[in-house]
Amino acid sequence: MTTSNAPAGSTPPVITEASLPAQAEGLAEIGGNLRAAWRGWSLWTPSYGTHRLKIDWGVIEIDSTVVMEVCEISPSAGNTRFIGDAGLNIWGIAPGQGVVHFGVYIGWESPIPMRTDILVFN
């Protein structure tokens, strides 16, 4: 993981993740050219600036379609998601075998907590 426009050592580590099921667990019949769909989320330590991050998850394949979103959370309100004044963006989503790499931009001048949600389609 690398960062820019953020203080040294400030790359936000994951603090909580959804229980990410193994690839063979909980499959529902989907059909068409879609074998499986998966949903997960991660809570990150407060940060700001630009970061290159990754999520390791065994259901992700090189040819997976990965959709992600990011938003602010309120830890004092049970990590409720909300739209605040900070600009948050995800960019460059790149799935690999068992991992997805992505960039996140947190447009604020002080650290804020965030949550990423991920959808994986195989």
N, C-alpha and C. Protein backbone atom coordinates (compact mmCIF):
# COMPACT_ATOMS: atom_id res chain seq x y z
N MET A 1 0.84 -1.17 0.00
CA MET A 1 0.00 0.00 0.00
C MET A 1 0.89 1.24 0.00
N THR A 2 0.55 2.20 -0.80
CA THR A 2 1.27 3.46 -0.83
C THR A 2 0.29 4.60 -0.69
N THR A 3 0.79 5.73 -0.23
CA THR A 3 -0.07 6.90 -0.08
C THR A 3 0.62 8.10 -0.67
N SER A 4 -0.16 9.10 -1.00
CA SER A 4 0.38 10.40 -1.36
C SER A 4 -0.56 11.45 -0.81
N ASN A 5 -0.06 12.64 -0.60
CA ASN A 5 -0.84 13.73 -0.03
C ASN A 5 -1.38 13.40 1.36
N ALA A 6 -0.67 12.58 2.09
CA ALA A 6 -1.08 12.22 3.44
C ALA A 6 0.19 12.07 4.28
N PRO A 7 0.10 12.31 5.58
CA PRO A 7 1.29 12.17 6.43
C PRO A 7 1.88 10.77 6.38
N ALA A 8 3.19 10.67 6.54
CA ALA A 8 3.88 9.38 6.52
C ALA A 8 3.28 8.46 7.56
N GLY A 9 3.13 7.19 7.20
CA GLY A 9 2.62 6.20 8.13
C GLY A 9 1.12 6.29 8.36
N SER A 10 0.40 7.01 7.49
CA SER A 10 -1.02 7.22 7.75
C SER A 10 -1.94 6.34 6.91
N THR A 11 -1.39 5.35 6.19
CA THR A 11 -2.25 4.47 5.40
C THR A 11 -3.26 3.80 6.32
N PRO A 12 -4.55 3.95 6.02
CA PRO A 12 -5.56 3.44 6.95
C PRO A 12 -5.69 1.93 6.88
N PRO A 13 -5.38 1.22 7.98
CA PRO A 13 -5.61 -0.23 7.99
C PRO A 13 -7.08 -0.53 8.24
N VAL A 14 -7.49 -1.73 7.83
CA VAL A 14 -8.86 -2.19 8.10
C VAL A 14 -8.99 -2.42 9.59
N ILE A 15 -10.10 -1.95 10.17
CA ILE A 15 -10.33 -2.20 11.59
C ILE A 15 -11.43 -3.23 11.81
N THR A 16 -12.36 -3.36 10.87
CA THR A 16 -13.44 -4.34 10.95
C THR A 16 -13.83 -4.75 9.55
N GLU A 17 -14.15 -6.02 9.37
CA GLU A 17 -14.64 -6.51 8.09
C GLU A 17 -15.87 -7.37 8.31
N ALA A 18 -16.71 -7.43 7.28
CA ALA A 18 -17.82 -8.36 7.31
C ALA A 18 -17.26 -9.77 7.33
N SER A 19 -18.02 -10.72 7.81
CA SER A 19 -17.59 -12.11 7.71
C SER A 19 -17.62 -12.49 6.24
N LEU A 20 -16.46 -12.58 5.63
CA LEU A 20 -16.38 -12.87 4.21
C LEU A 20 -16.43 -14.38 4.02
N PRO A 21 -17.50 -14.88 3.38
CA PRO A 21 -17.64 -16.33 3.23
C PRO A 21 -16.63 -16.89 2.23
N ALA A 22 -16.32 -18.15 2.40
CA ALA A 22 -15.46 -18.84 1.44
C ALA A 22 -16.24 -19.02 0.14
N GLN A 23 -15.54 -19.30 -0.93
CA GLN A 23 -16.17 -19.36 -2.24
C GLN A 23 -17.26 -20.42 -2.32
N ALA A 24 -17.15 -21.51 -1.60
CA ALA A 24 -18.12 -22.60 -1.70
C ALA A 24 -19.33 -22.41 -0.78
N GLU A 25 -19.31 -21.39 0.08
CA GLU A 25 -20.39 -21.20 1.04
C GLU A 25 -21.48 -20.30 0.49
N GLY A 26 -22.70 -20.61 0.78
CA GLY A 26 -23.83 -19.73 0.54
C GLY A 26 -24.13 -19.39 -0.91
N LEU A 27 -23.88 -20.29 -1.84
CA LEU A 27 -24.15 -20.01 -3.24
C LEU A 27 -25.64 -20.11 -3.52
N ALA A 28 -26.15 -19.15 -4.26
CA ALA A 28 -27.54 -19.19 -4.72
C ALA A 28 -27.51 -19.35 -6.23
N GLU A 29 -28.50 -20.00 -6.78
CA GLU A 29 -28.55 -20.17 -8.22
C GLU A 29 -28.81 -18.82 -8.86
N ILE A 30 -27.97 -18.46 -9.83
CA ILE A 30 -28.08 -17.14 -10.45
C ILE A 30 -28.46 -17.25 -11.91
N GLY A 31 -27.69 -17.94 -12.71
CA GLY A 31 -28.02 -18.14 -14.12
C GLY A 31 -27.31 -17.16 -15.04
N GLY A 32 -27.60 -17.29 -16.33
CA GLY A 32 -26.94 -16.45 -17.32
C GLY A 32 -25.44 -16.70 -17.33
N ASN A 33 -24.65 -15.66 -17.51
CA ASN A 33 -23.20 -15.81 -17.50
C ASN A 33 -22.61 -15.49 -16.12
N LEU A 34 -23.44 -15.48 -15.10
CA LEU A 34 -23.01 -15.16 -13.74
C LEU A 34 -23.09 -16.42 -12.88
N ARG A 35 -21.93 -16.83 -12.34
CA ARG A 35 -21.88 -18.02 -11.48
C ARG A 35 -22.21 -17.70 -10.03
N ALA A 36 -21.71 -16.55 -9.55
CA ALA A 36 -21.88 -16.21 -8.14
C ALA A 36 -21.75 -14.71 -7.95
N ALA A 37 -22.39 -14.22 -6.90
CA ALA A 37 -22.27 -12.82 -6.50
C ALA A 37 -21.99 -12.78 -5.00
N TRP A 38 -21.10 -11.89 -4.60
CA TRP A 38 -20.68 -11.80 -3.20
C TRP A 38 -20.72 -10.35 -2.76
N ARG A 39 -21.01 -10.14 -1.48
CA ARG A 39 -21.04 -8.79 -0.91
C ARG A 39 -20.25 -8.78 0.38
N GLY A 40 -19.47 -7.74 0.59
CA GLY A 40 -18.71 -7.58 1.83
C GLY A 40 -18.48 -6.12 2.12
N TRP A 41 -17.89 -5.82 3.26
CA TRP A 41 -17.59 -4.44 3.63
C TRP A 41 -16.40 -4.40 4.57
N SER A 42 -15.77 -3.24 4.65
CA SER A 42 -14.64 -3.02 5.55
C SER A 42 -14.75 -1.65 6.19
N LEU A 43 -14.45 -1.55 7.48
CA LEU A 43 -14.32 -0.27 8.17
C LEU A 43 -12.83 0.03 8.28
N TRP A 44 -12.45 1.27 8.01
CA TRP A 44 -11.04 1.66 7.99
C TRP A 44 -10.77 2.68 9.08
N THR A 45 -9.55 2.70 9.59
CA THR A 45 -9.18 3.71 10.58
C THR A 45 -9.28 5.09 9.95
N PRO A 46 -9.56 6.12 10.73
CA PRO A 46 -9.68 7.46 10.16
C PRO A 46 -8.41 7.88 9.41
N SER A 47 -8.62 8.52 8.27
CA SER A 47 -7.51 8.97 7.44
C SER A 47 -7.99 10.08 6.52
N TYR A 48 -7.06 10.63 5.74
CA TYR A 48 -7.39 11.62 4.72
C TYR A 48 -6.31 11.59 3.65
N GLY A 49 -6.60 12.19 2.52
CA GLY A 49 -5.64 12.19 1.41
C GLY A 49 -5.91 11.05 0.45
N THR A 50 -4.87 10.68 -0.31
CA THR A 50 -4.96 9.67 -1.35
C THR A 50 -4.23 8.40 -0.91
N HIS A 51 -4.87 7.25 -1.07
CA HIS A 51 -4.28 5.99 -0.65
C HIS A 51 -4.51 4.91 -1.71
N ARG A 52 -3.55 4.01 -1.84
CA ARG A 52 -3.71 2.79 -2.64
C ARG A 52 -3.87 1.65 -1.64
N LEU A 53 -5.02 0.98 -1.69
CA LEU A 53 -5.36 -0.02 -0.69
C LEU A 53 -5.66 -1.36 -1.36
N LYS A 54 -5.85 -2.39 -0.54
CA LYS A 54 -6.24 -3.69 -1.08
C LYS A 54 -7.10 -4.42 -0.07
N ILE A 55 -7.92 -5.30 -0.60
CA ILE A 55 -8.72 -6.21 0.23
C ILE A 55 -8.44 -7.62 -0.28
N ASP A 56 -7.99 -8.48 0.62
CA ASP A 56 -7.76 -9.89 0.30
C ASP A 56 -9.05 -10.64 0.54
N TRP A 57 -9.51 -11.37 -0.48
CA TRP A 57 -10.75 -12.14 -0.35
C TRP A 57 -10.71 -13.25 -1.38
N GLY A 58 -10.76 -14.49 -0.93
CA GLY A 58 -10.59 -15.65 -1.79
C GLY A 58 -11.60 -15.81 -2.91
N VAL A 59 -12.76 -15.13 -2.83
CA VAL A 59 -13.77 -15.27 -3.89
C VAL A 59 -13.44 -14.42 -5.12
N ILE A 60 -12.50 -13.49 -5.00
CA ILE A 60 -12.15 -12.61 -6.12
C ILE A 60 -11.22 -13.37 -7.06
N GLU A 61 -11.54 -13.30 -8.35
CA GLU A 61 -10.72 -13.93 -9.39
C GLU A 61 -10.21 -12.86 -10.34
N ILE A 62 -9.24 -13.23 -11.15
CA ILE A 62 -8.67 -12.28 -12.10
C ILE A 62 -9.74 -11.69 -13.02
N ASP A 63 -10.72 -12.50 -13.43
CA ASP A 63 -11.76 -12.04 -14.34
C ASP A 63 -13.04 -11.60 -13.62
N SER A 64 -12.99 -11.43 -12.31
CA SER A 64 -14.17 -10.97 -11.57
C SER A 64 -14.50 -9.53 -11.96
N THR A 65 -15.79 -9.21 -11.85
CA THR A 65 -16.22 -7.82 -11.91
C THR A 65 -16.40 -7.37 -10.48
N VAL A 66 -15.70 -6.30 -10.10
CA VAL A 66 -15.76 -5.81 -8.73
C VAL A 66 -16.32 -4.38 -8.74
N VAL A 67 -17.35 -4.16 -7.95
CA VAL A 67 -17.96 -2.85 -7.80
C VAL A 67 -17.75 -2.43 -6.35
N MET A 68 -17.31 -1.18 -6.14
CA MET A 68 -17.03 -0.70 -4.79
C MET A 68 -17.62 0.69 -4.58
N GLU A 69 -17.87 1.01 -3.31
CA GLU A 69 -18.26 2.36 -2.93
C GLU A 69 -17.62 2.68 -1.59
N VAL A 70 -17.53 3.97 -1.31
CA VAL A 70 -16.95 4.43 -0.05
C VAL A 70 -17.81 5.56 0.50
N CYS A 71 -17.95 5.61 1.82
CA CYS A 71 -18.65 6.73 2.44
C CYS A 71 -18.16 6.92 3.86
N GLU A 72 -18.49 8.08 4.41
CA GLU A 72 -18.15 8.38 5.79
C GLU A 72 -19.03 7.55 6.71
N ILE A 73 -18.51 7.28 7.91
CA ILE A 73 -19.30 6.60 8.94
C ILE A 73 -19.21 7.38 10.24
N SER A 74 -20.18 7.16 11.09
CA SER A 74 -20.21 7.78 12.41
C SER A 74 -20.01 6.70 13.47
N PRO A 75 -18.77 6.54 13.98
CA PRO A 75 -18.53 5.52 15.00
C PRO A 75 -19.41 5.68 16.24
N SER A 76 -19.74 6.93 16.59
CA SER A 76 -20.56 7.15 17.79
C SER A 76 -22.02 6.75 17.57
N ALA A 77 -22.40 6.50 16.31
CA ALA A 77 -23.78 6.09 16.00
C ALA A 77 -23.79 4.69 15.40
N GLY A 78 -22.92 3.81 15.90
CA GLY A 78 -22.89 2.43 15.45
C GLY A 78 -22.36 2.25 14.04
N ASN A 79 -21.44 3.12 13.64
CA ASN A 79 -20.84 3.09 12.30
C ASN A 79 -21.86 3.29 11.19
N THR A 80 -22.86 4.11 11.46
CA THR A 80 -23.87 4.45 10.48
C THR A 80 -23.24 5.23 9.33
N ARG A 81 -23.59 4.86 8.11
CA ARG A 81 -23.10 5.57 6.92
C ARG A 81 -23.88 6.86 6.74
N PHE A 82 -23.19 7.91 6.27
CA PHE A 82 -23.87 9.16 5.99
C PHE A 82 -23.09 9.94 4.93
N ILE A 83 -23.77 10.90 4.32
CA ILE A 83 -23.12 11.78 3.35
C ILE A 83 -22.72 13.04 4.08
N GLY A 84 -21.43 13.23 4.25
CA GLY A 84 -20.91 14.41 4.93
C GLY A 84 -20.39 15.41 3.91
N ASP A 85 -19.59 16.35 4.38
CA ASP A 85 -19.03 17.39 3.51
C ASP A 85 -17.75 16.96 2.81
N ALA A 86 -17.13 15.88 3.26
CA ALA A 86 -15.88 15.43 2.64
C ALA A 86 -16.17 14.73 1.32
N GLY A 87 -15.31 14.96 0.34
CA GLY A 87 -15.40 14.23 -0.92
C GLY A 87 -14.66 12.91 -0.80
N LEU A 88 -15.33 11.80 -1.04
CA LEU A 88 -14.71 10.49 -1.01
C LEU A 88 -14.90 9.82 -2.36
N ASN A 89 -13.82 9.28 -2.91
CA ASN A 89 -13.88 8.64 -4.22
C ASN A 89 -13.06 7.37 -4.21
N ILE A 90 -13.54 6.37 -4.95
CA ILE A 90 -12.76 5.16 -5.21
C ILE A 90 -12.39 5.20 -6.68
N TRP A 91 -11.16 4.78 -7.01
CA TRP A 91 -10.70 4.78 -8.40
C TRP A 91 -9.78 3.59 -8.63
N GLY A 92 -9.63 3.22 -9.89
CA GLY A 92 -8.67 2.19 -10.29
C GLY A 92 -8.91 0.83 -9.66
N ILE A 93 -10.12 0.33 -9.69
CA ILE A 93 -10.43 -0.97 -9.09
C ILE A 93 -9.83 -2.07 -9.97
N ALA A 94 -8.89 -2.85 -9.40
CA ALA A 94 -8.15 -3.85 -10.17
C ALA A 94 -8.18 -5.21 -9.46
N PRO A 95 -9.09 -6.11 -9.87
CA PRO A 95 -9.12 -7.43 -9.24
C PRO A 95 -7.96 -8.31 -9.69
N GLY A 96 -7.50 -9.15 -8.78
CA GLY A 96 -6.49 -10.16 -9.06
C GLY A 96 -6.94 -11.46 -8.42
N GLN A 97 -6.09 -12.45 -8.41
CA GLN A 97 -6.46 -13.73 -7.80
C GLN A 97 -6.46 -13.61 -6.28
N GLY A 98 -7.66 -13.57 -5.69
CA GLY A 98 -7.80 -13.49 -4.23
C GLY A 98 -7.63 -12.11 -3.64
N VAL A 99 -7.60 -11.07 -4.48
CA VAL A 99 -7.35 -9.71 -3.97
C VAL A 99 -7.95 -8.68 -4.93
N VAL A 100 -8.31 -7.53 -4.38
CA VAL A 100 -8.65 -6.38 -5.22
C VAL A 100 -7.83 -5.19 -4.73
N HIS A 101 -7.17 -4.53 -5.67
CA HIS A 101 -6.42 -3.31 -5.39
C HIS A 101 -7.27 -2.13 -5.85
N PHE A 102 -7.22 -1.02 -5.11
CA PHE A 102 -8.01 0.15 -5.48
C PHE A 102 -7.41 1.38 -4.83
N GLY A 103 -7.76 2.52 -5.36
CA GLY A 103 -7.35 3.78 -4.77
C GLY A 103 -8.55 4.43 -4.11
N VAL A 104 -8.29 5.19 -3.06
CA VAL A 104 -9.35 5.95 -2.40
C VAL A 104 -8.83 7.35 -2.12
N TYR A 105 -9.68 8.33 -2.36
CA TYR A 105 -9.35 9.73 -2.07
C TYR A 105 -10.33 10.23 -1.03
N ILE A 106 -9.79 10.80 0.05
CA ILE A 106 -10.59 11.36 1.13
C ILE A 106 -10.29 12.85 1.16
N GLY A 107 -11.20 13.64 0.62
CA GLY A 107 -10.99 15.07 0.49
C GLY A 107 -11.38 15.84 1.73
N TRP A 108 -10.53 15.76 2.74
CA TRP A 108 -10.76 16.46 4.00
C TRP A 108 -9.40 16.79 4.58
N GLU A 109 -9.32 17.78 5.46
CA GLU A 109 -8.02 18.21 6.00
C GLU A 109 -7.66 17.54 7.31
N SER A 110 -8.51 16.65 7.79
CA SER A 110 -8.20 15.89 9.00
C SER A 110 -8.77 14.49 8.81
N PRO A 111 -8.28 13.53 9.59
CA PRO A 111 -8.72 12.13 9.42
C PRO A 111 -10.21 11.94 9.71
N ILE A 112 -10.87 11.19 8.83
CA ILE A 112 -12.26 10.81 9.05
C ILE A 112 -12.39 9.31 8.85
N PRO A 113 -13.30 8.66 9.58
CA PRO A 113 -13.51 7.22 9.41
C PRO A 113 -14.33 6.94 8.15
N MET A 114 -14.05 5.82 7.52
CA MET A 114 -14.77 5.47 6.29
C MET A 114 -15.08 3.98 6.25
N ARG A 115 -16.02 3.66 5.37
CA ARG A 115 -16.40 2.27 5.12
C ARG A 115 -16.38 2.06 3.61
N THR A 116 -15.83 0.92 3.19
CA THR A 116 -15.93 0.52 1.80
C THR A 116 -16.85 -0.69 1.72
N ASP A 117 -17.71 -0.69 0.71
CA ASP A 117 -18.56 -1.84 0.40
C ASP A 117 -18.09 -2.41 -0.92
N ILE A 118 -18.17 -3.73 -1.04
CA ILE A 118 -17.66 -4.40 -2.24
C ILE A 118 -18.66 -5.44 -2.72
N LEU A 119 -18.90 -5.45 -4.03
CA LEU A 119 -19.68 -6.48 -4.69
C LEU A 119 -18.77 -7.18 -5.68
N VAL A 120 -18.76 -8.51 -5.63
CA VAL A 120 -17.93 -9.31 -6.53
C VAL A 120 -18.85 -10.19 -7.36
N PHE A 121 -18.70 -10.12 -8.68
CA PHE A 121 -19.47 -10.95 -9.59
C PHE A 121 -18.53 -11.88 -10.33
N ASN A 122 -18.78 -13.18 -10.28
CA ASN A 122 -17.98 -14.16 -11.02
C ASN A 122 -18.87 -14.87 -12.04
